[in-house]
N, C-alpha and C. Protein backbone atom coordinates (compact mmCIF):
# COMPACT_ATOMS: atom_id res chain seq x y z
N MET A 1 -17.58 -0.71 -6.14
CA MET A 1 -17.82 -1.86 -5.25
C MET A 1 -18.50 -1.26 -4.07
N ASP A 2 -19.62 -1.90 -3.65
CA ASP A 2 -20.11 -1.52 -2.42
C ASP A 2 -19.78 -2.40 -1.21
N ALA A 3 -20.49 -2.38 -0.09
CA ALA A 3 -20.25 -3.17 1.08
C ALA A 3 -20.61 -4.65 0.77
N GLU A 4 -21.71 -4.75 0.16
CA GLU A 4 -22.18 -6.13 0.00
C GLU A 4 -21.16 -7.01 -0.95
N GLN A 5 -20.70 -6.22 -1.98
CA GLN A 5 -19.81 -6.71 -2.95
C GLN A 5 -18.44 -7.02 -2.28
N TYR A 6 -18.02 -6.12 -1.34
CA TYR A 6 -16.68 -6.38 -0.66
C TYR A 6 -16.75 -7.58 0.11
N VAL A 7 -17.90 -7.75 0.76
CA VAL A 7 -18.17 -8.97 1.68
C VAL A 7 -18.20 -10.25 0.85
N GLU A 8 -18.76 -10.15 -0.36
CA GLU A 8 -18.90 -11.31 -1.15
C GLU A 8 -17.42 -11.63 -1.78
N ASN A 9 -16.59 -10.78 -1.94
CA ASN A 9 -15.23 -10.88 -2.52
C ASN A 9 -14.39 -11.52 -1.33
N VAL A 10 -14.56 -11.07 0.00
CA VAL A 10 -13.83 -11.63 1.02
C VAL A 10 -14.38 -13.08 1.27
N ARG A 11 -15.70 -13.24 1.10
CA ARG A 11 -16.15 -14.69 1.29
C ARG A 11 -15.50 -15.55 0.12
N HIS A 12 -15.49 -15.19 -0.99
CA HIS A 12 -15.05 -15.89 -2.27
C HIS A 12 -13.55 -16.34 -1.92
N GLU A 13 -12.78 -15.36 -1.53
CA GLU A 13 -11.19 -15.45 -1.38
C GLU A 13 -10.98 -16.51 -0.25
N ILE A 14 -11.77 -16.27 0.79
CA ILE A 14 -11.46 -17.19 2.01
C ILE A 14 -12.10 -18.64 1.79
N PHE A 15 -13.37 -18.69 1.54
CA PHE A 15 -13.95 -19.99 1.43
C PHE A 15 -13.85 -20.77 0.12
N ASP A 16 -13.49 -19.97 -1.02
CA ASP A 16 -13.36 -20.64 -2.32
C ASP A 16 -11.87 -20.90 -2.46
N GLU A 17 -11.23 -19.90 -2.66
CA GLU A 17 -9.76 -19.75 -2.80
C GLU A 17 -8.95 -20.52 -1.82
N LEU A 18 -8.89 -19.98 -0.66
CA LEU A 18 -8.06 -20.37 0.29
C LEU A 18 -8.42 -21.79 0.83
N PHE A 19 -9.56 -21.98 1.11
CA PHE A 19 -10.15 -23.27 1.62
C PHE A 19 -9.65 -24.45 0.63
N ASN A 20 -9.96 -24.08 -0.71
CA ASN A 20 -9.58 -25.19 -1.71
C ASN A 20 -8.09 -25.34 -1.73
N TYR A 21 -7.31 -24.24 -1.59
CA TYR A 21 -5.89 -24.31 -1.70
C TYR A 21 -5.50 -25.17 -0.60
N TYR A 22 -5.86 -25.03 0.54
CA TYR A 22 -5.47 -25.86 1.75
C TYR A 22 -5.74 -27.31 1.50
N PHE A 23 -6.94 -27.51 1.15
CA PHE A 23 -7.42 -28.99 1.10
C PHE A 23 -6.86 -29.62 -0.23
N GLU A 24 -6.37 -28.86 -1.08
CA GLU A 24 -5.66 -29.50 -2.28
C GLU A 24 -4.22 -29.76 -1.99
N CYS A 25 -3.60 -28.87 -1.01
CA CYS A 25 -2.27 -29.15 -0.67
C CYS A 25 -2.14 -30.28 0.33
N LEU A 26 -3.08 -30.42 1.35
CA LEU A 26 -2.85 -31.29 2.39
C LEU A 26 -2.56 -32.73 1.93
N PRO A 27 -3.18 -33.32 0.89
CA PRO A 27 -2.91 -34.72 0.58
C PRO A 27 -1.65 -34.91 -0.27
N THR A 28 -0.93 -33.92 -0.60
CA THR A 28 0.28 -33.94 -1.33
C THR A 28 1.41 -34.37 -0.36
N PRO A 29 2.41 -34.87 -0.99
CA PRO A 29 3.67 -35.41 -0.07
C PRO A 29 4.23 -34.24 0.73
N ILE A 30 4.88 -34.44 1.77
CA ILE A 30 5.39 -33.43 2.64
C ILE A 30 6.68 -32.97 1.82
N LYS A 31 6.87 -31.73 1.79
CA LYS A 31 7.95 -31.06 1.11
C LYS A 31 8.44 -29.90 2.16
N GLY A 32 9.68 -29.69 2.37
CA GLY A 32 10.03 -28.59 3.19
C GLY A 32 10.08 -28.92 4.62
N SER A 33 10.24 -28.05 5.47
CA SER A 33 10.29 -28.22 6.95
C SER A 33 9.45 -27.22 7.67
N GLU A 34 8.54 -26.54 7.10
CA GLU A 34 7.81 -25.63 7.94
C GLU A 34 6.91 -26.41 8.82
N LYS A 35 7.11 -26.15 10.16
CA LYS A 35 6.43 -27.09 11.09
C LYS A 35 4.97 -27.18 10.98
N TYR A 36 4.27 -26.07 10.69
CA TYR A 36 2.83 -26.13 10.62
C TYR A 36 2.36 -26.96 9.48
N TRP A 37 2.95 -26.84 8.31
CA TRP A 37 2.58 -27.60 7.28
C TRP A 37 2.87 -28.91 7.37
N VAL A 38 3.97 -29.34 8.03
CA VAL A 38 4.41 -30.73 8.21
C VAL A 38 3.47 -31.34 9.15
N ALA A 39 3.16 -30.71 10.24
CA ALA A 39 2.21 -31.28 11.34
C ALA A 39 0.77 -31.34 10.72
N SER A 40 0.36 -30.44 9.95
CA SER A 40 -0.85 -30.41 9.31
C SER A 40 -1.16 -31.54 8.31
N LYS A 41 -0.11 -31.79 7.56
CA LYS A 41 -0.16 -32.83 6.46
C LYS A 41 -0.05 -34.12 7.20
N LYS A 42 0.67 -34.26 8.21
CA LYS A 42 0.72 -35.68 8.87
C LYS A 42 -0.63 -35.89 9.52
N LEU A 43 -1.36 -34.85 10.13
CA LEU A 43 -2.76 -35.06 10.74
C LEU A 43 -3.60 -35.41 9.60
N TYR A 44 -3.65 -34.65 8.45
CA TYR A 44 -4.58 -34.91 7.40
C TYR A 44 -4.49 -36.45 6.80
N GLN A 45 -3.16 -36.76 6.57
CA GLN A 45 -2.91 -38.03 6.10
C GLN A 45 -3.34 -39.25 7.09
N SER A 46 -3.42 -38.95 8.29
CA SER A 46 -3.81 -40.01 9.24
C SER A 46 -5.40 -40.17 9.49
N LEU A 47 -6.12 -39.29 8.70
CA LEU A 47 -7.51 -39.26 8.76
C LEU A 47 -8.09 -40.24 7.69
N ASN A 48 -9.31 -40.70 8.08
CA ASN A 48 -10.22 -41.40 7.20
C ASN A 48 -11.17 -40.32 6.32
N GLU A 49 -11.80 -40.77 5.37
CA GLU A 49 -12.61 -39.95 4.64
C GLU A 49 -13.68 -39.15 5.59
N GLU A 50 -14.42 -39.83 6.42
CA GLU A 50 -15.33 -39.29 7.22
C GLU A 50 -14.65 -38.25 8.16
N GLN A 51 -13.57 -38.42 8.70
CA GLN A 51 -12.84 -37.54 9.53
C GLN A 51 -12.37 -36.33 8.80
N ILE A 52 -11.90 -36.48 7.50
CA ILE A 52 -11.54 -35.43 6.62
C ILE A 52 -12.75 -34.48 6.47
N GLY A 53 -13.89 -35.18 6.11
CA GLY A 53 -15.17 -34.24 6.06
C GLY A 53 -15.42 -33.51 7.29
N HIS A 54 -15.14 -33.95 8.55
CA HIS A 54 -15.28 -33.27 9.81
C HIS A 54 -14.19 -32.08 9.96
N LEU A 55 -13.08 -32.58 9.39
CA LEU A 55 -12.00 -31.48 9.51
C LEU A 55 -12.40 -30.29 8.56
N LYS A 56 -13.00 -30.54 7.44
CA LYS A 56 -13.34 -29.49 6.55
C LYS A 56 -14.47 -28.68 7.15
N MET A 57 -15.47 -29.33 7.78
CA MET A 57 -16.58 -28.54 8.41
C MET A 57 -16.00 -27.66 9.59
N PHE A 58 -14.97 -28.17 10.36
CA PHE A 58 -14.33 -27.45 11.46
C PHE A 58 -13.55 -26.29 10.78
N THR A 59 -12.95 -26.47 9.79
CA THR A 59 -12.11 -25.44 9.08
C THR A 59 -13.03 -24.31 8.70
N LYS A 60 -14.10 -24.59 8.02
CA LYS A 60 -15.14 -23.59 7.71
C LYS A 60 -15.70 -22.82 8.88
N LEU A 61 -15.83 -23.53 9.95
CA LEU A 61 -16.28 -22.89 11.16
C LEU A 61 -15.35 -21.88 11.78
N VAL A 62 -14.01 -22.22 11.73
CA VAL A 62 -12.99 -21.30 12.13
C VAL A 62 -12.84 -20.13 11.15
N MET A 63 -12.97 -20.40 9.91
CA MET A 63 -12.92 -19.30 9.00
C MET A 63 -14.08 -18.32 9.21
N THR A 64 -15.25 -18.94 9.40
CA THR A 64 -16.47 -18.18 9.66
C THR A 64 -16.43 -17.24 10.88
N ASP A 65 -15.78 -17.84 11.92
CA ASP A 65 -15.74 -17.05 13.18
C ASP A 65 -14.63 -16.00 13.14
N VAL A 66 -13.53 -16.24 12.37
CA VAL A 66 -12.54 -15.21 12.13
C VAL A 66 -13.02 -14.03 11.41
N ILE A 67 -13.64 -14.33 10.23
CA ILE A 67 -14.24 -13.37 9.41
C ILE A 67 -15.30 -12.53 10.15
N SER A 68 -16.09 -13.15 10.81
CA SER A 68 -17.21 -12.47 11.57
C SER A 68 -16.58 -11.50 12.65
N THR A 69 -15.56 -12.15 13.44
CA THR A 69 -14.88 -11.30 14.40
C THR A 69 -14.27 -10.00 13.77
N ILE A 70 -13.54 -10.07 12.73
CA ILE A 70 -12.88 -8.96 12.19
C ILE A 70 -14.09 -7.94 11.61
N PHE A 71 -15.05 -8.56 10.97
CA PHE A 71 -16.05 -7.69 10.55
C PHE A 71 -16.76 -6.90 11.67
N SER A 72 -16.97 -7.59 12.88
CA SER A 72 -17.54 -6.89 13.92
C SER A 72 -16.68 -5.80 14.59
N LYS A 73 -15.36 -5.97 14.43
CA LYS A 73 -14.56 -4.90 14.85
C LYS A 73 -14.61 -3.68 13.89
N LEU A 74 -14.52 -4.01 12.59
CA LEU A 74 -14.75 -2.93 11.51
C LEU A 74 -16.00 -2.14 11.55
N ASP A 75 -17.11 -2.88 11.90
CA ASP A 75 -18.29 -2.38 11.99
C ASP A 75 -18.56 -1.65 13.33
N ASN A 76 -17.52 -1.71 14.25
CA ASN A 76 -17.68 -1.11 15.62
C ASN A 76 -18.75 -1.81 16.37
N VAL A 77 -18.93 -2.91 16.18
CA VAL A 77 -20.17 -3.68 17.06
C VAL A 77 -19.33 -4.14 18.27
N SER A 78 -18.14 -4.53 18.29
CA SER A 78 -17.46 -4.97 19.37
C SER A 78 -16.07 -4.38 19.45
N PRO A 79 -15.99 -3.21 19.82
CA PRO A 79 -14.67 -2.52 19.84
C PRO A 79 -13.75 -2.93 20.96
N TYR A 80 -12.48 -2.87 20.83
CA TYR A 80 -11.46 -3.44 21.85
C TYR A 80 -11.71 -2.45 23.02
N PRO A 81 -11.44 -2.92 24.32
CA PRO A 81 -11.61 -2.08 25.42
C PRO A 81 -10.68 -0.87 25.49
N GLU A 82 -9.59 -0.96 24.74
CA GLU A 82 -8.59 0.18 24.83
C GLU A 82 -8.66 0.96 23.43
N GLN A 83 -9.75 0.78 22.67
CA GLN A 83 -9.88 1.34 21.53
C GLN A 83 -10.48 2.85 21.74
N ASP A 84 -9.67 3.73 21.16
CA ASP A 84 -10.38 5.14 21.19
C ASP A 84 -10.77 5.43 19.76
N GLY A 85 -12.08 5.83 19.59
CA GLY A 85 -12.57 6.06 18.32
C GLY A 85 -13.20 4.80 17.64
N LYS A 86 -13.66 5.04 16.48
CA LYS A 86 -14.40 4.21 15.67
C LYS A 86 -13.68 4.01 14.26
N PHE A 87 -13.74 2.81 13.84
CA PHE A 87 -13.27 2.35 12.52
C PHE A 87 -14.07 3.08 11.34
N GLU A 88 -13.42 3.31 10.42
CA GLU A 88 -14.14 3.90 9.32
C GLU A 88 -13.45 3.21 7.98
N LEU A 89 -14.10 2.27 7.30
CA LEU A 89 -13.61 1.66 6.29
C LEU A 89 -14.02 2.31 4.97
N LYS A 90 -13.18 2.91 4.16
CA LYS A 90 -13.65 3.65 2.88
C LYS A 90 -13.15 2.90 1.60
N LEU A 91 -13.96 2.94 0.65
CA LEU A 91 -13.49 2.60 -0.55
C LEU A 91 -13.99 3.53 -1.66
N ALA A 92 -13.04 4.06 -2.33
CA ALA A 92 -13.39 5.30 -3.12
C ALA A 92 -14.02 6.35 -2.43
N ASP A 93 -13.63 6.73 -1.38
CA ASP A 93 -14.19 7.80 -0.49
C ASP A 93 -15.62 7.55 -0.04
N LYS A 94 -16.04 6.24 -0.12
CA LYS A 94 -17.36 6.08 0.30
C LYS A 94 -17.28 5.03 1.52
N VAL A 95 -17.68 5.33 2.57
CA VAL A 95 -17.72 4.43 3.82
C VAL A 95 -18.48 3.20 3.54
N ILE A 96 -17.81 1.99 3.91
CA ILE A 96 -18.52 0.74 3.56
C ILE A 96 -18.74 -0.12 4.79
N ASN A 97 -18.15 0.35 5.92
CA ASN A 97 -18.42 -0.48 7.09
C ASN A 97 -19.57 -0.14 7.73
N GLY A 98 -19.92 -0.83 8.76
CA GLY A 98 -21.31 -0.54 9.56
C GLY A 98 -22.15 -1.76 9.46
N ASP A 99 -22.18 -2.40 8.31
CA ASP A 99 -23.09 -3.66 8.08
C ASP A 99 -22.32 -4.80 7.59
N LEU A 100 -21.03 -4.79 7.63
CA LEU A 100 -20.34 -6.01 6.97
C LEU A 100 -20.54 -7.28 7.67
N GLN A 101 -20.55 -7.34 8.95
CA GLN A 101 -20.88 -8.67 9.53
C GLN A 101 -22.42 -9.02 9.26
N GLU A 102 -23.36 -8.10 9.29
CA GLU A 102 -24.66 -8.47 8.85
C GLU A 102 -24.80 -8.99 7.46
N TYR A 103 -23.98 -8.42 6.35
CA TYR A 103 -24.11 -8.83 5.02
C TYR A 103 -23.39 -10.27 5.01
N PHE A 104 -22.39 -10.52 5.76
CA PHE A 104 -21.69 -11.70 5.90
C PHE A 104 -22.77 -12.83 6.25
N PHE A 105 -23.40 -12.55 7.24
CA PHE A 105 -24.39 -13.70 7.75
C PHE A 105 -25.61 -13.77 6.88
N MET A 106 -26.17 -12.51 6.26
CA MET A 106 -27.31 -12.54 5.63
C MET A 106 -27.26 -13.39 4.27
N ASN A 107 -26.01 -13.20 3.65
CA ASN A 107 -25.71 -13.78 2.33
C ASN A 107 -24.85 -15.15 2.40
N GLY A 108 -24.63 -15.49 3.63
CA GLY A 108 -23.74 -16.64 3.91
C GLY A 108 -24.34 -17.96 3.42
N GLU A 109 -23.50 -18.83 2.98
CA GLU A 109 -23.85 -20.17 2.60
C GLU A 109 -23.32 -21.22 3.68
N GLU A 110 -22.17 -20.52 4.37
CA GLU A 110 -21.55 -21.45 5.31
C GLU A 110 -22.25 -21.67 6.62
């Protein structure tokens, strides 16, 4: 697996698997008491179809920003102020970071 494949795997897991999981669970009846799920389901169930579409767009925006931020840190594009040294992400002894954020936006559909 190279850097581009890694980014595509992240994209698939977040935008396909997790996104779909959340929006498949939200319309189901509330079970349990985990406060974030209860509040999210109540919000979702109060929305009309147009508002649900807006919520889905907003969710993808948040997911995109989170992934981009993590990739920018791993690529050493925007290190933390107190960070000493640079990140080096390896897969099978091959460095794959440096262009993760760029691959994410180049190949992105979001």
